[in-house]
Amino acid sequence: MTRIQCTELDSGFSVPLYHVGPPLDRGPLPSIFYFSLSGHDSLTKDPFNQPVQFLSDRWIRFFSLTLPAHENGLDPHKAIQVWAEDISKGIDCLNTFFDQALSAIEFSVRQKLADPQKLALAGLSRGGFIASHIAARDERFRYILQFAPLTDLSKTKEFASLTEHPIVQSLALNKLAPQIADRHIRLYIGNKDTRVGTGACFDFASQLTAASTLRSPHIEFIMSSSIGLMGHGTSPEIFRQGALWLASCLT
């Protein structure tokens, strides 16, 4: 696959903003904010960056930021456990990150890097969870693509003792359905994903559809045979389908 060159932008924010795509001096372009791991790895590390790879020949910019507990080489496998430990101590690391991400997004628009009329969000697993929350906070994002998204922290083993915690309850994606149900949303999930829950993803899609006021809501739920550990993998073909769908929305 294509080797991706990634640039850290001098945005001045505590969470660095990373970019790949056409030169930044070409003016504002359709842009995808993509979340998976650290900002750099989300855009450069295979297979997580396959959406980036499949669109590397398009005039579309990709941006990313490092998710909480993915900084400085921390083990991404332990990140959700760190989120749980922080929340148990009253540290709302996720809402803090959402605020930081919104500032970085506004920077990209203000600097005429991202076209505010053609913005999309995409995320893998926990990145899909992050993408939904950012979409709910910024209505300029009309297109949302999620691969095997985490939809409810309380369903994970890391949050087993915090299922009733008010922050955990408030962050469940079903709470966001009324705010984002009018967007174009596509969700992919394996048919036996025991990490984030196939049923939980379907329930979220159903809640989005129910919350929409449109006759034909732009909500798509696509289930395929599970692969990988706990059925939580995403195949290159699924990454390709999702990336091409998002490109068709933006161009």
Protein backbone atom coordinates (compact mmCIF):
# COMPACT_ATOMS: atom_id res chain seq x y z
CA MET A 1 0.00 0.00 0.00
CA THR A 2 0.97 3.65 -0.36
CA ARG A 3 3.54 5.03 2.07
CA ILE A 4 1.93 7.96 3.87
CA GLN A 5 3.80 11.15 4.77
CA CYS A 6 2.40 12.76 7.90
CA THR A 7 2.92 16.34 9.12
CA GLU A 8 2.41 17.71 12.63
CA LEU A 9 0.85 21.15 12.29
CA ASP A 10 1.92 24.08 14.43
CA SER A 11 -1.52 24.74 15.87
CA GLY A 12 -0.41 25.85 19.32
CA PHE A 13 -2.76 23.44 21.09
CA SER A 14 -1.79 20.96 23.80
CA VAL A 15 -3.00 18.08 21.61
CA PRO A 16 -1.04 18.11 18.30
CA LEU A 17 -2.96 18.14 15.04
CA TYR A 18 -1.63 15.84 12.30
CA HIS A 19 -2.25 16.03 8.57
CA VAL A 20 -1.79 13.97 5.43
CA GLY A 21 -2.94 14.82 1.93
CA PRO A 22 -2.56 17.55 -0.67
CA PRO A 23 -0.19 20.46 0.07
CA LEU A 24 -1.58 22.90 2.60
CA ASP A 25 -0.91 25.88 0.34
CA ARG A 26 -3.63 24.72 -2.10
CA GLY A 27 -6.38 26.34 -0.06
CA PRO A 28 -9.29 24.76 1.82
CA LEU A 29 -10.27 21.26 0.66
CA PRO A 30 -12.79 18.59 1.65
CA SER A 31 -11.48 17.15 4.90
CA ILE A 32 -11.89 14.04 7.01
CA PHE A 33 -11.05 14.02 10.71
CA TYR A 34 -10.14 10.41 11.48
CA PHE A 35 -9.62 8.86 14.91
CA SER A 36 -8.16 5.51 15.91
CA LEU A 37 -4.96 5.66 18.01
CA SER A 38 -2.40 8.44 18.31
CA GLY A 39 -2.80 11.15 15.71
CA HIS A 40 0.33 10.04 13.88
CA ASP A 41 -0.45 6.31 13.97
CA SER A 42 -4.07 6.82 12.91
CA LEU A 43 -2.81 8.36 9.67
CA THR A 44 0.31 6.26 9.02
CA LYS A 45 0.11 2.82 10.67
CA ASP A 46 -1.31 -0.08 8.69
CA PRO A 47 -4.02 -1.42 8.99
CA PHE A 48 -5.47 1.42 11.06
CA ASN A 49 -4.77 3.98 8.35
CA GLN A 50 -6.29 2.03 5.48
CA PRO A 51 -9.04 4.62 4.89
CA VAL A 52 -6.22 7.12 4.35
CA GLN A 53 -4.40 4.76 2.01
CA PHE A 54 -7.47 4.11 -0.14
CA LEU A 55 -8.02 7.84 -0.66
CA SER A 56 -4.38 8.83 -1.07
CA ASP A 57 -4.96 9.83 -4.71
CA ARG A 58 -7.92 12.11 -3.93
CA TRP A 59 -7.96 15.84 -3.26
CA ILE A 60 -9.13 15.19 0.27
CA ARG A 61 -7.24 16.09 3.42
CA PHE A 62 -7.07 13.86 6.48
CA PHE A 63 -6.52 15.25 9.96
CA SER A 64 -6.18 13.44 13.27
CA LEU A 65 -5.43 14.03 16.94
CA THR A 66 -4.04 11.69 19.57
CA LEU A 67 -6.77 10.11 21.67
CA PRO A 68 -6.55 10.26 25.47
CA ALA A 69 -4.06 7.74 26.94
CA HIS A 70 -2.42 7.17 23.55
CA GLU A 71 0.28 9.80 24.05
CA ASN A 72 4.04 9.32 24.27
CA GLY A 73 4.11 5.69 23.24
CA LEU A 74 1.57 4.50 25.82
CA ASP A 75 0.16 1.04 25.16
CA PRO A 76 -3.10 1.58 23.22
CA HIS A 77 -4.41 -1.77 24.51
CA LYS A 78 -4.55 -0.21 27.99
CA ALA A 79 -6.09 3.12 26.98
CA ILE A 80 -9.71 2.33 27.86
CA GLN A 81 -8.55 1.07 31.25
CA VAL A 82 -6.85 4.44 31.78
CA TRP A 83 -10.09 6.20 30.83
CA ALA A 84 -11.92 4.11 33.43
CA GLU A 85 -9.34 4.88 36.11
CA ASP A 86 -9.49 8.60 35.35
CA ILE A 87 -13.28 8.72 35.43
CA SER A 88 -13.35 6.76 38.69
CA LYS A 89 -11.21 9.58 40.15
CA GLY A 90 -13.53 12.26 38.79
CA ILE A 91 -11.21 13.18 35.90
CA ASP A 92 -13.31 13.71 32.77
CA CYS A 93 -10.56 13.04 30.23
CA LEU A 94 -12.99 12.50 27.35
CA ASN A 95 -14.96 15.74 27.52
CA THR A 96 -11.65 17.55 27.92
CA PHE A 97 -10.46 15.89 24.71
CA PHE A 98 -13.66 16.81 22.85
CA ASP A 99 -13.07 20.47 23.69
CA GLN A 100 -9.46 20.24 22.51
CA ALA A 101 -10.51 18.54 19.28
CA LEU A 102 -13.09 21.22 18.53
CA SER A 103 -10.44 23.91 18.97
CA ALA A 104 -8.11 22.08 16.58
CA ILE A 105 -10.91 21.67 14.03
CA GLU A 106 -11.71 25.37 14.23
CA PHE A 107 -8.00 26.10 13.67
CA SER A 108 -8.03 24.03 10.46
CA VAL A 109 -11.02 25.99 9.17
CA ARG A 110 -9.68 29.37 10.25
CA GLN A 111 -6.34 28.67 8.55
CA LYS A 112 -8.22 27.76 5.34
CA LEU A 113 -7.00 24.17 5.36
CA ALA A 114 -10.39 22.47 5.72
CA ASP A 115 -13.47 23.46 3.73
CA PRO A 116 -16.20 24.07 6.35
CA GLN A 117 -18.85 23.05 3.78
CA LYS A 118 -17.25 19.65 3.21
CA LEU A 119 -16.31 18.15 6.57
CA ALA A 120 -16.54 14.52 7.61
CA LEU A 121 -15.67 12.42 10.63
CA ALA A 122 -14.47 8.84 10.66
CA GLY A 123 -13.35 6.51 13.41
CA LEU A 124 -12.32 2.96 14.18
CA SER A 125 -13.60 1.31 17.37
CA ARG A 126 -13.01 3.88 20.16
CA GLY A 127 -12.37 6.38 17.37
CA GLY A 128 -15.96 5.91 16.21
CA PHE A 129 -17.12 6.74 19.72
CA ILE A 130 -15.01 9.89 19.63
CA ALA A 131 -16.27 10.83 16.16
CA SER A 132 -19.93 10.69 17.24
CA HIS A 133 -19.30 12.99 20.18
CA ILE A 134 -17.50 15.54 18.05
CA ALA A 135 -20.29 15.43 15.45
CA ALA A 136 -22.83 16.15 18.18
CA ARG A 137 -20.84 19.24 19.15
CA ASP A 138 -20.24 20.58 15.64
CA GLU A 139 -23.11 20.44 13.14
CA ARG A 140 -20.81 21.27 10.22
CA PHE A 141 -19.91 17.58 10.12
CA ARG A 142 -22.62 16.18 7.88
CA TYR A 143 -20.98 12.82 7.18
CA ILE A 144 -19.91 10.24 9.76
CA LEU A 145 -18.22 6.91 9.04
CA GLN A 146 -17.71 4.36 11.81
CA PHE A 147 -15.89 1.04 11.71
CA ALA A 148 -16.77 -1.36 14.56
CA PRO A 149 -17.63 1.58 16.82
CA LEU A 150 -17.63 1.50 20.57
CA THR A 151 -21.08 2.84 21.49
CA ASP A 152 -21.30 2.47 25.26
CA LEU A 153 -18.39 2.48 27.72
CA SER A 154 -20.47 0.59 30.28
CA LYS A 155 -20.51 -2.45 27.95
CA THR A 156 -16.73 -2.85 28.07
CA LYS A 157 -14.88 -4.98 30.62
CA GLU A 158 -12.80 -1.97 31.68
CA PHE A 159 -15.93 -0.12 32.86
CA ALA A 160 -17.62 -3.12 34.49
CA SER A 161 -17.52 -1.47 37.93
CA LEU A 162 -18.59 1.94 36.63
CA THR A 163 -21.74 1.12 34.70
CA GLU A 164 -23.86 3.51 36.79
CA HIS A 165 -21.31 6.32 36.96
CA PRO A 166 -22.96 9.56 35.77
CA ILE A 167 -20.12 10.45 33.37
CA VAL A 168 -20.23 6.97 31.84
CA GLN A 169 -23.99 7.12 31.48
CA SER A 170 -23.85 10.59 29.90
CA LEU A 171 -21.31 9.47 27.28
CA ALA A 172 -23.36 6.58 25.84
CA LEU A 173 -23.95 7.26 22.16
CA ASN A 174 -27.69 6.67 22.42
CA LYS A 175 -27.83 10.03 24.23
CA LEU A 176 -26.52 11.68 21.05
CA ALA A 177 -29.07 10.20 18.65
CA PRO A 178 -31.38 13.24 18.54
CA GLN A 179 -28.43 15.54 17.82
CA ILE A 180 -26.91 13.65 14.91
CA ALA A 181 -29.81 11.68 13.41
CA ASP A 182 -30.11 14.13 10.49
CA ARG A 183 -26.55 13.43 9.29
CA HIS A 184 -25.35 10.90 6.72
CA ILE A 185 -24.04 8.04 8.88
CA ARG A 186 -22.64 4.66 7.90
CA LEU A 187 -21.76 2.02 10.51
CA TYR A 188 -19.83 -1.19 9.81
CA ILE A 189 -19.67 -4.06 12.33
CA GLY A 190 -18.77 -7.73 12.41
CA ASN A 191 -21.63 -10.17 13.00
CA LYS A 192 -20.01 -11.50 16.17
CA ASP A 193 -18.06 -8.60 17.63
CA THR A 194 -17.76 -9.38 21.33
CA ARG A 195 -15.46 -6.43 22.10
CA VAL A 196 -17.87 -3.55 21.41
CA GLY A 197 -20.99 -5.64 20.75
CA THR A 198 -22.70 -6.22 17.42
CA GLY A 199 -26.08 -5.77 19.11
CA ALA A 200 -25.01 -2.51 20.74
CA CYS A 201 -24.02 -1.12 17.34
CA PHE A 202 -27.33 -2.19 15.81
CA ASP A 203 -29.22 -0.63 18.72
CA PHE A 204 -27.40 2.65 18.12
CA ALA A 205 -28.30 2.56 14.42
CA SER A 206 -31.92 1.90 15.37
CA GLN A 207 -31.93 4.79 17.84
CA LEU A 208 -30.53 7.11 15.18
CA THR A 209 -33.23 6.06 12.74
CA ALA A 210 -35.97 6.47 15.32
CA ALA A 211 -34.71 9.94 16.27
CA SER A 212 -34.62 11.22 12.70
CA THR A 213 -37.43 13.44 11.43
CA LEU A 214 -36.65 12.50 7.82
CA ARG A 215 -38.90 10.15 5.85
CA SER A 216 -35.82 8.20 4.75
CA PRO A 217 -33.03 8.75 7.31
CA HIS A 218 -29.49 8.65 5.94
CA ILE A 219 -28.48 5.92 8.38
CA GLU A 220 -26.79 2.76 7.08
CA PHE A 221 -25.89 -0.29 9.17
CA ILE A 222 -23.68 -2.83 7.39
CA MET A 223 -22.89 -6.14 9.07
CA SER A 224 -20.39 -8.63 7.71
CA SER A 225 -18.61 -11.77 8.91
CA SER A 226 -16.44 -11.08 11.93
CA ILE A 227 -12.69 -11.38 11.72
CA GLY A 228 -9.83 -10.91 14.17
CA LEU A 229 -9.59 -11.05 17.95
CA MET A 230 -13.04 -11.05 19.56
CA GLY A 231 -14.52 -10.57 16.08
CA HIS A 232 -13.45 -6.95 16.29
CA GLY A 233 -11.31 -6.75 13.16
CA THR A 234 -12.00 -4.72 10.03
CA SER A 235 -11.03 -6.10 6.63
CA PRO A 236 -9.31 -4.09 3.88
CA GLU A 237 -12.44 -4.44 1.76
CA ILE A 238 -14.61 -2.89 4.47
CA PHE A 239 -12.11 -0.06 4.93
CA ARG A 240 -12.16 0.48 1.15
CA GLN A 241 -15.97 0.51 0.94
CA GLY A 242 -16.28 2.99 3.77
CA ALA A 243 -13.53 5.26 2.46
CA LEU A 244 -15.03 5.37 -1.04
CA TRP A 245 -18.48 6.11 0.38
CA LEU A 246 -17.10 9.03 2.35
CA ALA A 247 -15.21 10.32 -0.69
CA SER A 248 -18.44 10.20 -2.72
CA CYS A 249 -20.16 12.30 -0.05
CA LEU A 250 -17.44 14.95 -0.05
CA THR A 251 -16.71 15.32 -3.75
